[in-house]
Amino acid sequence: MGRLTRDPELRYTPKGTAVADLGMAINRYRGGTDGGERTEETTFVDVTLWGRQAETANQYLAKGREVFIEGRLQLDSWEDKSSGQKRSKLKVVGESMQFVGGPGGGGGQGGGGGGQSYSSDSQPQPSAPSPSAPSQGGGYEDEEDDIPF
């Protein structure tokens, strides 16, 4: 769960499939107990959405909007044309998406709920009770064996 760092960039493959790329800033807070100073750590993540989910993100999401996305990690590797060095980038390929807060981008601290949830099967789904619970159609093969991390 995080906030968009830029508006989604929608494009279409030659066969007409929608693809949206977006960037997210994900904050992690730690410390603050026993008189310690609370620190904030921000991680920036690139996300790719496909199909109807990509079109929905392009229609409803904008820079600063909070969103919860579940997906799989994908490592892209290539050779830099100018330097000849091998490069790689880890990104998330979204499988389900849940809007958090209202359309103005505010869910407040701890924010949220109330929005629609969309999975890669392109059908709107009811909102999950909380971001920590797996959404319907989240792609878990055997939920009993999954260990939350």
Protein backbone atom coordinates (compact mmCIF):
# COMPACT_ATOMS: atom_id res chain seq x y z
CA MET A 1 0.00 0.00 0.00
CA GLY A 2 1.35 3.39 -0.93
CA ARG A 3 0.81 6.62 -2.83
CA LEU A 4 1.32 7.17 -6.54
CA THR A 5 4.41 9.21 -7.39
CA ARG A 6 3.09 10.03 -10.86
CA ASP A 7 -0.04 9.66 -12.94
CA PRO A 8 -0.48 6.21 -14.56
CA GLU A 9 0.95 5.94 -18.07
CA LEU A 10 -1.46 3.94 -20.25
CA ARG A 11 -0.47 2.34 -23.55
CA TYR A 12 -1.72 -0.53 -25.68
CA THR A 13 0.12 -3.53 -27.12
CA PRO A 14 -0.10 -4.15 -30.89
CA LYS A 15 -2.88 -6.68 -30.15
CA GLY A 16 -4.86 -4.06 -28.22
CA THR A 17 -4.18 -5.09 -24.61
CA ALA A 18 -4.02 -2.17 -22.17
CA VAL A 19 -0.85 -1.77 -20.08
CA ALA A 20 -0.40 0.86 -17.36
CA ASP A 21 2.86 1.72 -15.64
CA LEU A 22 2.82 3.60 -12.36
CA GLY A 23 5.20 4.45 -9.55
CA MET A 24 4.44 4.08 -5.87
CA ALA A 25 6.06 5.42 -2.71
CA ILE A 26 5.66 3.01 0.21
CA ASN A 27 6.41 4.34 3.70
CA ARG A 28 7.58 2.28 6.65
CA TYR A 29 7.73 3.72 10.16
CA ARG A 30 9.89 2.27 12.90
CA GLY A 31 11.17 3.17 16.30
CA GLY A 32 9.38 5.55 18.59
CA THR A 33 9.23 3.17 21.56
CA ASP A 34 11.07 3.53 24.87
CA GLY A 35 11.93 7.15 24.13
CA GLY A 36 13.55 6.32 20.80
CA GLU A 37 13.15 8.54 17.79
CA ARG A 38 10.59 7.46 15.21
CA THR A 39 12.06 7.18 11.70
CA GLU A 40 10.40 6.95 8.33
CA GLU A 41 11.80 4.90 5.45
CA THR A 42 10.40 5.29 1.93
CA THR A 43 10.74 2.67 -0.81
CA PHE A 44 9.89 3.48 -4.43
CA VAL A 45 8.33 0.68 -6.47
CA ASP A 46 7.38 0.48 -10.15
CA VAL A 47 4.11 -1.35 -10.88
CA THR A 48 2.68 -2.68 -14.15
CA LEU A 49 -1.04 -3.39 -14.56
CA TRP A 50 -2.65 -5.21 -17.48
CA GLY A 51 -6.03 -5.32 -19.23
CA ARG A 52 -9.14 -3.75 -17.72
CA GLN A 53 -7.26 -3.19 -14.48
CA ALA A 54 -4.82 -0.92 -16.34
CA GLU A 55 -7.69 1.08 -17.86
CA THR A 56 -9.39 1.39 -14.45
CA ALA A 57 -6.18 2.64 -12.85
CA ASN A 58 -5.72 5.18 -15.63
CA GLN A 59 -9.31 6.40 -15.19
CA TYR A 60 -9.42 6.69 -11.40
CA LEU A 61 -5.86 7.03 -10.10
CA ALA A 62 -3.62 10.10 -10.12
CA LYS A 63 -0.43 11.27 -8.49
CA GLY A 64 -0.79 11.32 -4.70
CA ARG A 65 -3.70 8.85 -4.60
CA GLU A 66 -3.36 6.01 -2.10
CA VAL A 67 -3.84 2.47 -3.43
CA PHE A 68 -3.32 -1.11 -2.26
CA ILE A 69 -1.88 -3.45 -4.92
CA GLU A 70 -1.11 -7.13 -4.61
CA GLY A 71 0.99 -8.84 -7.24
CA ARG A 72 4.07 -10.79 -8.15
CA LEU A 73 7.65 -9.64 -8.46
CA GLN A 74 9.29 -9.62 -11.89
CA LEU A 75 12.97 -9.03 -12.62
CA ASP A 76 13.66 -7.33 -15.95
CA SER A 77 17.25 -7.56 -17.27
CA TRP A 78 18.84 -5.83 -20.26
CA GLU A 79 22.14 -4.52 -21.56
CA ASP A 80 22.64 -0.76 -21.52
CA LYS A 81 23.21 0.33 -25.13
CA SER A 82 25.45 3.28 -24.26
CA SER A 83 27.74 1.62 -21.69
CA GLY A 84 27.31 -2.07 -22.53
CA GLN A 85 26.71 -2.86 -18.84
CA LYS A 86 24.10 -5.37 -17.75
CA ARG A 87 21.20 -3.72 -15.95
CA SER A 88 18.23 -5.08 -14.05
CA LYS A 89 15.12 -3.75 -12.35
CA LEU A 90 12.70 -5.40 -9.94
CA LYS A 91 9.06 -4.41 -10.35
CA VAL A 92 5.58 -5.56 -9.30
CA VAL A 93 3.09 -6.96 -11.80
CA GLY A 94 -0.26 -6.17 -10.20
CA GLU A 95 -2.81 -8.94 -9.80
CA SER A 96 -5.35 -7.13 -7.62
CA MET A 97 -5.90 -3.48 -6.75
CA GLN A 98 -7.95 -1.73 -4.09
CA PHE A 99 -8.59 2.00 -3.96
CA VAL A 100 -8.00 3.49 -0.52
CA GLY A 101 -9.64 6.67 0.75
CA GLY A 102 -11.67 9.04 -1.39
CA PRO A 103 -11.12 10.32 -4.91
CA GLY A 104 -9.18 13.33 -3.59
CA GLY A 105 -6.32 11.05 -2.61
CA GLY A 106 -6.88 11.24 1.13
CA GLY A 107 -7.40 8.27 3.32
CA GLY A 108 -5.88 9.99 6.29
CA GLN A 109 -3.47 8.32 8.64
CA GLY A 110 -3.97 4.61 8.76
CA GLY A 111 -6.43 5.38 6.11
CA GLY A 112 -9.01 3.81 4.86
CA GLY A 113 -11.27 1.39 3.42
CA GLY A 114 -14.23 2.23 1.41
CA GLY A 115 -13.24 1.84 -2.22
CA GLN A 116 -13.57 -0.73 -4.89
CA SER A 117 -11.30 -3.71 -5.31
CA TYR A 118 -10.27 -4.97 -8.75
CA SER A 119 -8.43 -8.16 -9.61
CA SER A 120 -6.74 -9.32 -12.78
CA ASP A 121 -9.93 -11.08 -13.86
CA SER A 122 -11.25 -7.58 -14.70
CA GLN A 123 -14.37 -7.77 -12.51
CA PRO A 124 -15.08 -5.33 -9.66
CA GLN A 125 -15.04 -7.10 -6.31
CA PRO A 126 -16.30 -6.09 -2.88
CA SER A 127 -13.81 -4.25 -0.71
CA ALA A 128 -11.75 -6.39 1.62
CA PRO A 129 -12.34 -5.71 5.30
CA SER A 130 -8.78 -4.46 5.76
CA PRO A 131 -5.62 -4.11 3.65
CA SER A 132 -3.96 -6.90 5.65
CA ALA A 133 -6.54 -9.47 4.56
CA PRO A 134 -6.04 -11.09 1.15
CA SER A 135 -8.63 -9.84 -1.33
CA GLN A 136 -10.87 -12.15 -3.27
CA GLY A 137 -9.18 -13.32 -6.42
CA GLY A 138 -5.79 -12.43 -4.96
CA GLY A 139 -4.15 -15.44 -6.57
CA TYR A 140 -3.32 -17.51 -3.46
CA GLU A 141 -3.24 -21.17 -4.37
CA ASP A 142 -3.32 -22.53 -0.81
CA GLU A 143 -4.12 -19.83 1.73
CA GLU A 144 -3.65 -22.19 4.69
CA ASP A 145 0.04 -22.62 3.93
CA ASP A 146 0.74 -18.92 3.32
CA ILE A 147 2.77 -17.23 6.02
CA PRO A 148 2.20 -13.47 6.35
CA PHE A 149 5.39 -11.44 6.24
